[in-house]
C-alpha cells in the first residue's frame, strides 16, 4: 500500500484496537465508510502493522501447525507458543498433549504408552474422565534399576485410571544385560501377551530422550555416561521407546537394540495414530529424526521446536 494508505491504516488500527472504537465510530471520525475501515484493518493485519498474539498458556499456533502437516505429511500437529514470563515450556506441551489425547476421535480403545519425564507430566495433567473404558498398555520395559526412578508403571496406571479403564504393564527392565535373557523372558506367555497387545494398539503416545548426560536411561541405571557417549559417537541423536536412533531414524547399535524390550520402530511407523510429544531445544535433533523418518503421525511440540523443524532444508 502507498504511504498515505499505510498511515490511514495505522490510524484506523489505533482507534479500533487501542481506543476501543467501533468500526462505525472509526469511520465517522476519519470520514471514511465502515467498509473501508474493515478493509484497512484486514490490510493492517496482513502487512504486520497489527500483530495479534493469543497469550493464554493453552493457545496454539495454527499456522505453524498447518506448515508442519504440509511439510512432513503428518495427520495432525499441535504447536504451543513459548512462555514469555519465564515459565517452563515442557508443562505447556504436556498440557497440549493431554488436551489432544482427550479430543482424539475415534477414541482409542487400546492406547500404547511409553514412559519418561514428559509422559509422566502428560499423565499428571490429563483430565479425569478424559474417556471411558480405555485399555492402556505399556509398550516398553520400565522397571528401574535405580530406586529414585520408576515412573513407567505409574504413568500407564494414571492414564488408565483417569480414563476409567485398566492398565496392562510390562514389568521388566527396559534393557537387559544379555540378549538370551531377553529372548527367554519374551517367550514367557504373560510377557508375550503384553507385547502382542502393545503391538496391536490403536494409538501410541510417546516422547523421546536425549543422547546425553541427562538421559533417563542413565538416571534409571540402564546405561552409563560412557555408554551414551559411545552411542553418540555412532551417530545417536536420542532414543524413541528406548531405542537409540540416528538423524535418519535408524538404529545406531543393533546389539543394544537386541537387548531392548518393547515394540520396535516398525510398529510406530505403521501406526495410524503415533502421537509424539516433544519439547525443548535439547530435543531438536531427535525431534527432526522422528518427524522426517516417519516415526510419528502426530506431533505435539513448542513453537521453537516447530520452527527448527521447518527451517531444515535437506
C-alpha atoms as a PDB file:
ATOM      1  CA  UNK A   1       0.000   0.000   0.000  1.00  0.00           C
ATOM      2  CA  UNK A   2       1.150   3.574  -0.592  1.00  0.00           C
ATOM      3  CA  UNK A   3       2.328   5.801   2.262  1.00  0.00           C
ATOM      4  CA  UNK A   4      -0.960   7.688   2.708  1.00  0.00           C
ATOM      5  CA  UNK A   5      -2.967   4.474   2.820  1.00  0.00           C
ATOM      6  CA  UNK A   6      -0.471   2.948   5.242  1.00  0.00           C
ATOM      7  CA  UNK A   7      -0.746   5.924   7.604  1.00  0.00           C
ATOM      8  CA  UNK A   8      -4.530   5.753   7.415  1.00  0.00           C
ATOM      9  CA  UNK A   9      -4.392   2.037   8.260  1.00  0.00           C
ATOM     10  CA  UNK A  10      -2.226   2.819  11.284  1.00  0.00           C
ATOM     11  CA  UNK A  11      -4.730   5.430  12.492  1.00  0.00           C
ATOM     12  CA  UNK A  12      -7.660   3.074  11.928  1.00  0.00           C
ATOM     13  CA  UNK A  13      -5.876   0.335  13.884  1.00  0.00           C
ATOM     14  CA  UNK A  14      -5.066   2.702  16.759  1.00  0.00           C
ATOM     15  CA  UNK A  15      -8.660   3.847  17.086  1.00  0.00           C
ATOM     16  CA  UNK A  16     -10.092   0.352  16.776  1.00  0.00           C
ATOM     17  CA  UNK A  17      -7.646  -1.646  18.916  1.00  0.00           C
ATOM     18  CA  UNK A  18      -6.277   0.903  21.395  1.00  0.00           C
ATOM     19  CA  UNK A  19      -9.231   3.237  21.872  1.00  0.00           C
ATOM     20  CA  UNK A  20     -11.894   0.521  21.510  1.00  0.00           C
ATOM     21  CA  UNK A  21     -13.906   2.413  18.915  1.00  0.00           C
ATOM     22  CA  UNK A  22     -16.397   0.523  16.779  1.00  0.00           C
ATOM     23  CA  UNK A  23     -15.853   0.376  13.032  1.00  0.00           C
ATOM     24  CA  UNK A  24     -18.749   2.799  12.589  1.00  0.00           C
ATOM     25  CA  UNK A  25     -17.171   5.220  15.077  1.00  0.00           C
ATOM     26  CA  UNK A  26     -13.762   4.960  13.407  1.00  0.00           C
ATOM     27  CA  UNK A  27     -15.339   5.690  10.039  1.00  0.00           C
ATOM     28  CA  UNK A  28     -17.184   8.715  11.363  1.00  0.00           C
ATOM     29  CA  UNK A  29     -14.037  10.124  12.988  1.00  0.00           C
ATOM     30  CA  UNK A  30     -11.911   9.692   9.869  1.00  0.00           C
ATOM     31  CA  UNK A  31     -14.573  10.461   7.285  1.00  0.00           C
ATOM     32  CA  UNK A  32     -14.481   7.049   5.589  1.00  0.00           C
ATOM     33  CA  UNK A  33     -17.021   4.235   5.188  1.00  0.00           C
ATOM     34  CA  UNK A  34     -17.358   1.344   7.611  1.00  0.00           C
ATOM     35  CA  UNK A  35     -16.498  -0.983   4.711  1.00  0.00           C
ATOM     36  CA  UNK A  36     -13.184   0.841   4.154  1.00  0.00           C
ATOM     37  CA  UNK A  37     -12.421   0.651   7.888  1.00  0.00           C
ATOM     38  CA  UNK A  38     -12.840  -3.130   7.778  1.00  0.00           C
ATOM     39  CA  UNK A  39     -10.667  -3.418   4.670  1.00  0.00           C
ATOM     40  CA  UNK A  40      -7.905  -1.306   6.254  1.00  0.00           C
ATOM     41  CA  UNK A  41      -7.964  -3.408   9.429  1.00  0.00           C
ATOM     42  CA  UNK A  42      -7.527  -6.535   7.307  1.00  0.00           C
ATOM     43  CA  UNK A  43      -4.611  -4.952   5.434  1.00  0.00           C
ATOM     44  CA  UNK A  44      -3.067  -3.849   8.726  1.00  0.00           C
ATOM     45  CA  UNK A  45      -3.017  -7.448   9.944  1.00  0.00           C
ATOM     46  CA  UNK A  46      -1.784  -8.829   6.622  1.00  0.00           C
ATOM     47  CA  UNK A  47       1.135  -6.366   6.389  1.00  0.00           C
ATOM     48  CA  UNK A  48       2.225  -6.690  10.017  1.00  0.00           C
ATOM     49  CA  UNK A  49       1.093  -3.250  11.170  1.00  0.00           C
ATOM     50  CA  UNK A  50      -1.087  -5.121  13.642  1.00  0.00           C
ATOM     51  CA  UNK A  51       0.029  -8.364  15.263  1.00  0.00           C
ATOM     52  CA  UNK A  52      -2.430 -10.262  17.409  1.00  0.00           C
ATOM     53  CA  UNK A  53      -0.880 -12.584  19.992  1.00  0.00           C
ATOM     54  CA  UNK A  54      -3.051 -15.002  21.927  1.00  0.00           C
ATOM     55  CA  UNK A  55      -1.138 -15.402  25.175  1.00  0.00           C
ATOM     56  CA  UNK A  56      -3.229 -17.953  27.042  1.00  0.00           C
ATOM     57  CA  UNK A  57      -0.977 -20.890  28.093  1.00  0.00           C
ATOM     58  CA  UNK A  58      -3.236 -23.304  26.206  1.00  0.00           C
ATOM     59  CA  UNK A  59      -3.235 -21.279  22.982  1.00  0.00           C
ATOM     60  CA  UNK A  60      -1.944 -22.829  19.751  1.00  0.00           C
ATOM     61  CA  UNK A  61      -0.034 -21.660  16.681  1.00  0.00           C
ATOM     62  CA  UNK A  62      -2.425 -22.810  13.968  1.00  0.00           C
ATOM     63  CA  UNK A  63      -0.417 -21.506  11.003  1.00  0.00           C
ATOM     64  CA  UNK A  64       2.725 -23.304  12.164  1.00  0.00           C
ATOM     65  CA  UNK A  65       0.691 -26.471  12.698  1.00  0.00           C
ATOM     66  CA  UNK A  66      -0.514 -26.286   9.101  1.00  0.00           C
ATOM     67  CA  UNK A  67       3.045 -25.859   7.851  1.00  0.00           C
ATOM     68  CA  UNK A  68       4.193 -28.935   9.804  1.00  0.00           C
ATOM     69  CA  UNK A  69       1.344 -31.040   8.432  1.00  0.00           C
ATOM     70  CA  UNK A  70       2.047 -29.944   4.877  1.00  0.00           C
ATOM     71  CA  UNK A  71       5.834 -30.256   5.049  1.00  0.00           C
ATOM     72  CA  UNK A  72       6.004 -33.671   6.698  1.00  0.00           C
ATOM     73  CA  UNK A  73       2.710 -35.281   5.683  1.00  0.00           C
ATOM     74  CA  UNK A  74       1.513 -35.521   9.269  1.00  0.00           C
ATOM     75  CA  UNK A  75      -2.019 -36.448  10.241  1.00  0.00           C
ATOM     76  CA  UNK A  76      -2.020 -33.635  12.786  1.00  0.00           C
ATOM     77  CA  UNK A  77       0.213 -31.186  14.647  1.00  0.00           C
ATOM     78  CA  UNK A  78      -0.196 -29.217  17.854  1.00  0.00           C
ATOM     79  CA  UNK A  79       2.138 -26.273  18.498  1.00  0.00           C
ATOM     80  CA  UNK A  80       2.065 -24.155  21.647  1.00  0.00           C
ATOM     81  CA  UNK A  81       3.632 -20.691  21.970  1.00  0.00           C
ATOM     82  CA  UNK A  82       6.729 -20.151  24.061  1.00  0.00           C
ATOM     83  CA  UNK A  83       6.117 -18.647  27.502  1.00  0.00           C
ATOM     84  CA  UNK A  84       7.106 -15.005  27.956  1.00  0.00           C
ATOM     85  CA  UNK A  85       7.131 -14.983  31.744  1.00  0.00           C
ATOM     86  CA  UNK A  86       9.999 -17.364  32.461  1.00  0.00           C
ATOM     87  CA  UNK A  87       7.666 -20.353  32.753  1.00  0.00           C
ATOM     88  CA  UNK A  88       8.968 -23.756  31.641  1.00  0.00           C
ATOM     89  CA  UNK A  89       7.768 -24.809  28.193  1.00  0.00           C
ATOM     90  CA  UNK A  90       7.533 -28.541  28.990  1.00  0.00           C
ATOM     91  CA  UNK A  91       4.343 -28.291  31.099  1.00  0.00           C
ATOM     92  CA  UNK A  92       2.655 -26.325  28.300  1.00  0.00           C
ATOM     93  CA  UNK A  93       3.472 -29.040  25.776  1.00  0.00           C
ATOM     94  CA  UNK A  94       2.414 -31.767  28.199  1.00  0.00           C
ATOM     95  CA  UNK A  95      -0.912 -29.993  28.758  1.00  0.00           C
ATOM     96  CA  UNK A  96      -1.405 -29.683  24.999  1.00  0.00           C
ATOM     97  CA  UNK A  97      -0.736 -33.416  24.634  1.00  0.00           C
ATOM     98  CA  UNK A  98      -3.253 -34.193  27.374  1.00  0.00           C
ATOM     99  CA  UNK A  99      -5.837 -31.961  25.672  1.00  0.00           C
ATOM    100  CA  UNK A 100      -5.144 -33.575  22.285  1.00  0.00           C
ATOM    101  CA  UNK A 101      -5.442 -37.111  23.642  1.00  0.00           C
ATOM    102  CA  UNK A 102      -8.811 -36.307  25.190  1.00  0.00           C
ATOM    103  CA  UNK A 103     -10.032 -34.900  21.854  1.00  0.00           C
ATOM    104  CA  UNK A 104      -8.836 -37.713  19.541  1.00  0.00           C
ATOM    105  CA  UNK A 105     -11.641 -39.239  17.504  1.00  0.00           C
ATOM    106  CA  UNK A 106     -12.288 -42.069  17.237  1.00  0.00           C
ATOM    107  CA  UNK A 107     -11.355 -42.584  20.882  1.00  0.00           C
ATOM    108  CA  UNK A 108      -8.510 -45.131  21.097  1.00  0.00           C
ATOM    109  CA  UNK A 109      -9.767 -48.284  22.759  1.00  0.00           C
ATOM    110  CA  UNK A 110      -6.230 -49.553  23.281  1.00  0.00           C
ATOM    111  CA  UNK A 111      -3.568 -46.918  23.935  1.00  0.00           C
ATOM    112  CA  UNK A 112       0.096 -47.881  23.970  1.00  0.00           C
ATOM    113  CA  UNK A 113       2.192 -45.597  26.178  1.00  0.00           C
ATOM    114  CA  UNK A 114       5.900 -45.247  26.751  1.00  0.00           C
ATOM    115  CA  UNK A 115       7.433 -43.639  29.829  1.00  0.00           C
ATOM    116  CA  UNK A 116       9.765 -40.854  30.904  1.00  0.00           C
ATOM    117  CA  UNK A 117       9.582 -37.369  32.380  1.00  0.00           C
ATOM    118  CA  UNK A 118       7.445 -35.909  29.591  1.00  0.00           C
ATOM    119  CA  UNK A 119       4.812 -38.640  29.663  1.00  0.00           C
ATOM    120  CA  UNK A 120       4.753 -38.571  33.445  1.00  0.00           C
ATOM    121  CA  UNK A 121       3.766 -34.895  33.141  1.00  0.00           C
ATOM    122  CA  UNK A 122       1.143 -35.671  30.489  1.00  0.00           C
ATOM    123  CA  UNK A 123      -0.413 -38.263  32.799  1.00  0.00           C
ATOM    124  CA  UNK A 124      -0.449 -35.790  35.681  1.00  0.00           C
ATOM    125  CA  UNK A 125      -2.191 -33.105  33.608  1.00  0.00           C
ATOM    126  CA  UNK A 126      -4.697 -35.375  31.870  1.00  0.00           C
ATOM    127  CA  UNK A 127      -8.246 -34.538  32.948  1.00  0.00           C
ATOM    128  CA  UNK A 128     -10.137 -37.197  34.932  1.00  0.00           C
ATOM    129  CA  UNK A 129     -12.800 -38.736  32.729  1.00  0.00           C
ATOM    130  CA  UNK A 130     -10.937 -37.940  29.505  1.00  0.00           C
ATOM    131  CA  UNK A 131     -12.541 -41.108  28.122  1.00  0.00           C
ATOM    132  CA  UNK A 132     -14.397 -44.174  29.353  1.00  0.00           C
ATOM    133  CA  UNK A 133     -13.090 -47.732  29.387  1.00  0.00           C
ATOM    134  CA  UNK A 134      -9.675 -47.271  27.788  1.00  0.00           C
ATOM    135  CA  UNK A 135      -7.158 -50.124  27.787  1.00  0.00           C
ATOM    136  CA  UNK A 136      -3.682 -48.681  28.404  1.00  0.00           C
ATOM    137  CA  UNK A 137      -0.703 -50.892  27.688  1.00  0.00           C
ATOM    138  CA  UNK A 138       2.935 -50.199  28.478  1.00  0.00           C
ATOM    139  CA  UNK A 139       4.883 -50.532  25.220  1.00  0.00           C
ATOM    140  CA  UNK A 140       8.451 -50.740  26.520  1.00  0.00           C
ATOM    141  CA  UNK A 141      10.059 -52.135  29.630  1.00  0.00           C
ATOM    142  CA  UNK A 142      10.453 -49.750  32.507  1.00  0.00           C
ATOM    143  CA  UNK A 143      11.352 -51.424  35.784  1.00  0.00           C
ATOM    144  CA  UNK A 144      14.047 -49.093  37.074  1.00  0.00           C
ATOM    145  CA  UNK A 145      17.426 -50.260  38.300  1.00  0.00           C
ATOM    146  CA  UNK A 146      17.579 -47.107  40.429  1.00  0.00           C
ATOM    147  CA  UNK A 147      15.186 -46.708  43.337  1.00  0.00           C
ATOM    148  CA  UNK A 148      14.926 -42.954  42.685  1.00  0.00           C
ATOM    149  CA  UNK A 149      13.170 -43.663  39.416  1.00  0.00           C
ATOM    150  CA  UNK A 150      10.321 -45.950  38.462  1.00  0.00           C
ATOM    151  CA  UNK A 151       7.510 -43.888  36.958  1.00  0.00           C
ATOM    152  CA  UNK A 152       6.856 -46.178  33.996  1.00  0.00           C
ATOM    153  CA  UNK A 153       4.109 -48.248  35.594  1.00  0.00           C
ATOM    154  CA  UNK A 154       2.599 -45.250  37.368  1.00  0.00           C
ATOM    155  CA  UNK A 155       2.337 -43.311  34.093  1.00  0.00           C
ATOM    156  CA  UNK A 156       0.284 -46.063  32.458  1.00  0.00           C
ATOM    157  CA  UNK A 157      -1.833 -46.614  35.565  1.00  0.00           C
ATOM    158  CA  UNK A 158      -2.620 -42.899  35.949  1.00  0.00           C
ATOM    159  CA  UNK A 159      -3.694 -42.529  32.309  1.00  0.00           C
ATOM    160  CA  UNK A 160      -5.870 -45.639  32.618  1.00  0.00           C
ATOM    161  CA  UNK A 161      -7.462 -44.595  35.899  1.00  0.00           C
ATOM    162  CA  UNK A 162      -8.305 -41.143  34.570  1.00  0.00           C
ATOM    163  CA  UNK A 163      -9.894 -42.815  31.546  1.00  0.00           C
ATOM    164  CA  UNK A 164     -11.971 -45.200  33.725  1.00  0.00           C
ATOM    165  CA  UNK A 165     -10.105 -48.112  32.205  1.00  0.00           C
ATOM    166  CA  UNK A 166      -7.355 -50.542  33.069  1.00  0.00           C
ATOM    167  CA  UNK A 167      -3.610 -50.721  32.579  1.00  0.00           C
ATOM    168  CA  UNK A 168      -1.602 -53.677  31.352  1.00  0.00           C
ATOM    169  CA  UNK A 169       2.014 -53.364  32.445  1.00  0.00           C
ATOM    170  CA  UNK A 170       5.283 -54.741  31.145  1.00  0.00           C
ATOM    171  CA  UNK A 171       7.050 -55.368  34.463  1.00  0.00           C
ATOM    172  CA  UNK A 172      10.554 -55.982  33.179  1.00  0.00           C
ATOM    173  CA  UNK A 173      13.594 -53.744  32.623  1.00  0.00           C
ATOM    174  CA  UNK A 174      13.846 -51.585  29.519  1.00  0.00           C
ATOM    175  CA  UNK A 175      17.273 -53.011  28.682  1.00  0.00           C
ATOM    176  CA  UNK A 176      18.573 -56.415  29.734  1.00  0.00           C
ATOM    177  CA  UNK A 177      22.194 -57.445  30.181  1.00  0.00           C
ATOM    178  CA  UNK A 178      22.065 -60.464  27.892  1.00  0.00           C
ATOM    179  CA  UNK A 179      20.108 -60.944  24.695  1.00  0.00           C
ATOM    180  CA  UNK A 180      19.472 -64.576  25.687  1.00  0.00           C
ATOM    181  CA  UNK A 181      17.765 -63.356  28.864  1.00  0.00           C
ATOM    182  CA  UNK A 182      15.567 -61.016  26.879  1.00  0.00           C
ATOM    183  CA  UNK A 183      14.529 -63.748  24.463  1.00  0.00           C
ATOM    184  CA  UNK A 184      13.738 -66.149  27.297  1.00  0.00           C
ATOM    185  CA  UNK A 185      11.610 -63.540  29.093  1.00  0.00           C
ATOM    186  CA  UNK A 186       9.770 -62.620  25.893  1.00  0.00           C
ATOM    187  CA  UNK A 187       8.859 -66.283  25.384  1.00  0.00           C
ATOM    188  CA  UNK A 188       7.001 -66.218  28.702  1.00  0.00           C
ATOM    189  CA  UNK A 189       3.295 -66.341  27.920  1.00  0.00           C
ATOM    190  CA  UNK A 190       2.332 -63.404  30.159  1.00  0.00           C
ATOM    191  CA  UNK A 191       5.061 -61.141  28.737  1.00  0.00           C
ATOM    192  CA  UNK A 192       4.305 -62.223  25.172  1.00  0.00           C
ATOM    193  CA  UNK A 193       0.641 -61.331  25.608  1.00  0.00           C
ATOM    194  CA  UNK A 194       1.515 -57.819  26.808  1.00  0.00           C
ATOM    195  CA  UNK A 195       3.859 -57.284  23.868  1.00  0.00           C
ATOM    196  CA  UNK A 196       1.185 -58.526  21.448  1.00  0.00           C
ATOM    197  CA  UNK A 197      -1.371 -56.170  22.972  1.00  0.00           C
ATOM    198  CA  UNK A 198       1.091 -53.288  22.664  1.00  0.00           C
ATOM    199  CA  UNK A 199       1.829 -54.124  19.043  1.00  0.00           C
ATOM    200  CA  UNK A 200      -1.897 -54.079  18.208  1.00  0.00           C
ATOM    201  CA  UNK A 201      -2.725 -50.793  19.978  1.00  0.00           C
ATOM    202  CA  UNK A 202      -4.951 -48.383  18.053  1.00  0.00           C
ATOM    203  CA  UNK A 203      -2.826 -45.403  19.134  1.00  0.00           C
ATOM    204  CA  UNK A 204       0.568 -44.747  20.692  1.00  0.00           C
ATOM    205  CA  UNK A 205       1.643 -41.930  22.988  1.00  0.00           C
ATOM    206  CA  UNK A 206       5.367 -41.435  23.458  1.00  0.00           C
ATOM    207  CA  UNK A 207       8.187 -38.949  23.714  1.00  0.00           C
ATOM    208  CA  UNK A 208      11.921 -39.018  23.021  1.00  0.00           C
ATOM    209  CA  UNK A 209      15.033 -38.904  25.147  1.00  0.00           C
ATOM    210  CA  UNK A 210      18.244 -37.018  24.562  1.00  0.00           C
ATOM    211  CA  UNK A 211      21.542 -38.723  23.874  1.00  0.00           C
ATOM    212  CA  UNK A 212      23.453 -37.084  26.696  1.00  0.00           C
ATOM    213  CA  UNK A 213      24.126 -36.954  30.414  1.00  0.00           C
ATOM    214  CA  UNK A 214      20.501 -36.075  31.199  1.00  0.00           C
ATOM    215  CA  UNK A 215      19.199 -39.276  29.590  1.00  0.00           C
ATOM    216  CA  UNK A 216      16.575 -41.038  31.674  1.00  0.00           C
ATOM    217  CA  UNK A 217      18.393 -44.277  30.880  1.00  0.00           C
ATOM    218  CA  UNK A 218      21.381 -43.010  32.859  1.00  0.00           C
ATOM    219  CA  UNK A 219      19.175 -41.882  35.748  1.00  0.00           C
ATOM    220  CA  UNK A 220      17.433 -45.249  35.752  1.00  0.00           C
ATOM    221  CA  UNK A 221      20.686 -47.204  35.803  1.00  0.00           C
ATOM    222  CA  UNK A 222      20.399 -48.907  32.427  1.00  0.00           C
ATOM    223  CA  UNK A 223      23.336 -47.104  30.809  1.00  0.00           C
ATOM    224  CA  UNK A 224      26.388 -45.180  31.959  1.00  0.00           C
ATOM    225  CA  UNK A 225      27.513 -41.828  30.627  1.00  0.00           C
ATOM    226  CA  UNK A 226      30.282 -43.656  28.752  1.00  0.00           C
ATOM    227  CA  UNK A 227      27.678 -45.932  27.150  1.00  0.00           C
ATOM    228  CA  UNK A 228      25.731 -42.930  25.906  1.00  0.00           C
ATOM    229  CA  UNK A 229      28.917 -41.211  24.703  1.00  0.00           C
ATOM    230  CA  UNK A 230      29.655 -44.311  22.620  1.00  0.00           C
ATOM    231  CA  UNK A 231      26.156 -44.196  21.150  1.00  0.00           C
ATOM    232  CA  UNK A 232      26.645 -40.538  20.233  1.00  0.00           C
ATOM    233  CA  UNK A 233      29.930 -41.467  18.541  1.00  0.00           C
ATOM    234  CA  UNK A 234      27.916 -43.900  16.425  1.00  0.00           C
ATOM    235  CA  UNK A 235      25.543 -41.131  15.398  1.00  0.00           C
ATOM    236  CA  UNK A 236      22.805 -41.290  18.054  1.00  0.00           C
ATOM    237  CA  UNK A 237      20.674 -38.157  18.429  1.00  0.00           C
ATOM    238  CA  UNK A 238      18.336 -39.621  21.061  1.00  0.00           C
ATOM    239  CA  UNK A 239      16.029 -42.514  21.842  1.00  0.00           C
ATOM    240  CA  UNK A 240      12.435 -43.346  20.996  1.00  0.00           C
ATOM    241  CA  UNK A 241      10.647 -46.015  23.075  1.00  0.00           C
ATOM    242  CA  UNK A 242      14.090 -46.845  24.444  1.00  0.00           C
ATOM    243  CA  UNK A 243      15.687 -47.366  21.033  1.00  0.00           C
ATOM    244  CA  UNK A 244      18.599 -45.109  20.078  1.00  0.00           C
ATOM    245  CA  UNK A 245      18.344 -43.650  16.597  1.00  0.00           C
ATOM    246  CA  UNK A 246      20.474 -41.532  14.274  1.00  0.00           C
ATOM    247  CA  UNK A 247      19.417 -38.457  12.304  1.00  0.00           C
ATOM    248  CA  UNK A 248      17.772 -40.721   9.709  1.00  0.00           C
ATOM    249  CA  UNK A 249      15.647 -42.502  12.286  1.00  0.00           C
ATOM    250  CA  UNK A 250      17.663 -45.718  12.089  1.00  0.00           C
ATOM    251  CA  UNK A 251      19.004 -47.866  14.928  1.00  0.00           C
ATOM    252  CA  UNK A 252      22.611 -46.985  15.776  1.00  0.00           C
ATOM    253  CA  UNK A 253      23.570 -50.034  17.861  1.00  0.00           C
ATOM    254  CA  UNK A 254      21.900 -53.292  16.891  1.00  0.00           C
ATOM    255  CA  UNK A 255      23.469 -55.234  19.774  1.00  0.00           C
ATOM    256  CA  UNK A 256      21.925 -52.811  22.284  1.00  0.00           C
ATOM    257  CA  UNK A 257      18.650 -52.832  20.383  1.00  0.00           C
ATOM    258  CA  UNK A 258      18.529 -56.615  20.631  1.00  0.00           C
ATOM    259  CA  UNK A 259      18.586 -56.256  24.424  1.00  0.00           C
ATOM    260  CA  UNK A 260      15.880 -53.565  24.472  1.00  0.00           C
ATOM    261  CA  UNK A 261      12.382 -54.653  25.482  1.00  0.00           C
ATOM    262  CA  UNK A 262       9.191 -53.404  23.841  1.00  0.00           C
ATOM    263  CA  UNK A 263       7.690 -52.504  20.494  1.00  0.00           C
ATOM    264  CA  UNK A 264      10.040 -51.502  17.705  1.00  0.00           C
ATOM    265  CA  UNK A 265      10.262 -48.731  15.168  1.00  0.00           C
ATOM    266  CA  UNK A 266       8.296 -50.743  12.604  1.00  0.00           C
ATOM    267  CA  UNK A 267       5.157 -50.643  14.760  1.00  0.00           C
ATOM    268  CA  UNK A 268       5.476 -46.877  15.241  1.00  0.00           C
ATOM    269  CA  UNK A 269       5.841 -46.256  11.516  1.00  0.00           C
ATOM    270  CA  UNK A 270       2.804 -48.416  10.749  1.00  0.00           C
ATOM    271  CA  UNK A 271       0.534 -46.861  13.373  1.00  0.00           C
ATOM    272  CA  UNK A 272      -2.370 -44.655  12.296  1.00  0.00           C
ATOM    273  CA  UNK A 273      -2.077 -42.603  15.474  1.00  0.00           C
ATOM    274  CA  UNK A 274       1.524 -42.331  16.680  1.00  0.00           C
ATOM    275  CA  UNK A 275       1.411 -39.254  18.924  1.00  0.00           C
ATOM    276  CA  UNK A 276       4.878 -37.828  19.527  1.00  0.00           C
ATOM    277  CA  UNK A 277       5.262 -35.354  22.404  1.00  0.00           C
ATOM    278  CA  UNK A 278       8.498 -33.358  22.454  1.00  0.00           C
ATOM    279  CA  UNK A 279       9.674 -30.043  23.878  1.00  0.00           C
ATOM    280  CA  UNK A 280      12.842 -28.046  24.425  1.00  0.00           C
ATOM    281  CA  UNK A 281      15.936 -27.013  22.496  1.00  0.00           C
ATOM    282  CA  UNK A 282      17.899 -30.091  23.603  1.00  0.00           C
ATOM    283  CA  UNK A 283      15.496 -32.339  21.682  1.00  0.00           C
ATOM    284  CA  UNK A 284      15.520 -30.564  18.318  1.00  0.00           C
ATOM    285  CA  UNK A 285      17.803 -33.155  16.711  1.00  0.00           C
ATOM    286  CA  UNK A 286      15.838 -36.187  17.845  1.00  0.00           C
ATOM    287  CA  UNK A 287      12.555 -34.433  17.005  1.00  0.00           C
ATOM    288  CA  UNK A 288      13.810 -33.858  13.468  1.00  0.00           C
ATOM    289  CA  UNK A 289      14.849 -37.510  13.170  1.00  0.00           C
ATOM    290  CA  UNK A 290      11.435 -38.735  14.322  1.00  0.00           C
ATOM    291  CA  UNK A 291       9.419 -36.430  12.072  1.00  0.00           C
ATOM    292  CA  UNK A 292      11.465 -36.803   8.915  1.00  0.00           C
ATOM    293  CA  UNK A 293      11.721 -40.593   9.147  1.00  0.00           C
ATOM    294  CA  UNK A 294       8.007 -41.261   9.562  1.00  0.00           C
ATOM    295  CA  UNK A 295       8.148 -42.359  13.187  1.00  0.00           C
ATOM    296  CA  UNK A 296       5.097 -40.287  14.095  1.00  0.00           C
ATOM    297  CA  UNK A 297       1.805 -39.282  12.520  1.00  0.00           C
ATOM    298  CA  UNK A 298       1.077 -36.556  15.073  1.00  0.00           C
ATOM    299  CA  UNK A 299       3.454 -34.155  16.801  1.00  0.00           C
ATOM    300  CA  UNK A 300       2.765 -32.089  19.907  1.00  0.00           C
ATOM    301  CA  UNK A 301       5.517 -29.569  20.493  1.00  0.00           C
ATOM    302  CA  UNK A 302       6.561 -25.994  21.234  1.00  0.00           C
ATOM    303  CA  UNK A 303       6.928 -23.147  18.780  1.00  0.00           C
ATOM    304  CA  UNK A 304      10.745 -23.091  18.853  1.00  0.00           C
ATOM    305  CA  UNK A 305      10.984 -26.808  18.060  1.00  0.00           C
ATOM    306  CA  UNK A 306       8.413 -26.425  15.281  1.00  0.00           C
ATOM    307  CA  UNK A 307      10.372 -23.589  13.673  1.00  0.00           C
ATOM    308  CA  UNK A 308      13.602 -25.586  13.965  1.00  0.00           C
ATOM    309  CA  UNK A 309      11.927 -28.420  12.045  1.00  0.00           C
ATOM    310  CA  UNK A 310      10.569 -26.097   9.376  1.00  0.00           C
ATOM    311  CA  UNK A 311      13.934 -24.385   8.865  1.00  0.00           C
ATOM    312  CA  UNK A 312      15.532 -27.677   7.908  1.00  0.00           C
ATOM    313  CA  UNK A 313      16.024 -27.634   4.137  1.00  0.00           C
ATOM    314  CA  UNK A 314      17.530 -31.040   3.463  1.00  0.00           C
END
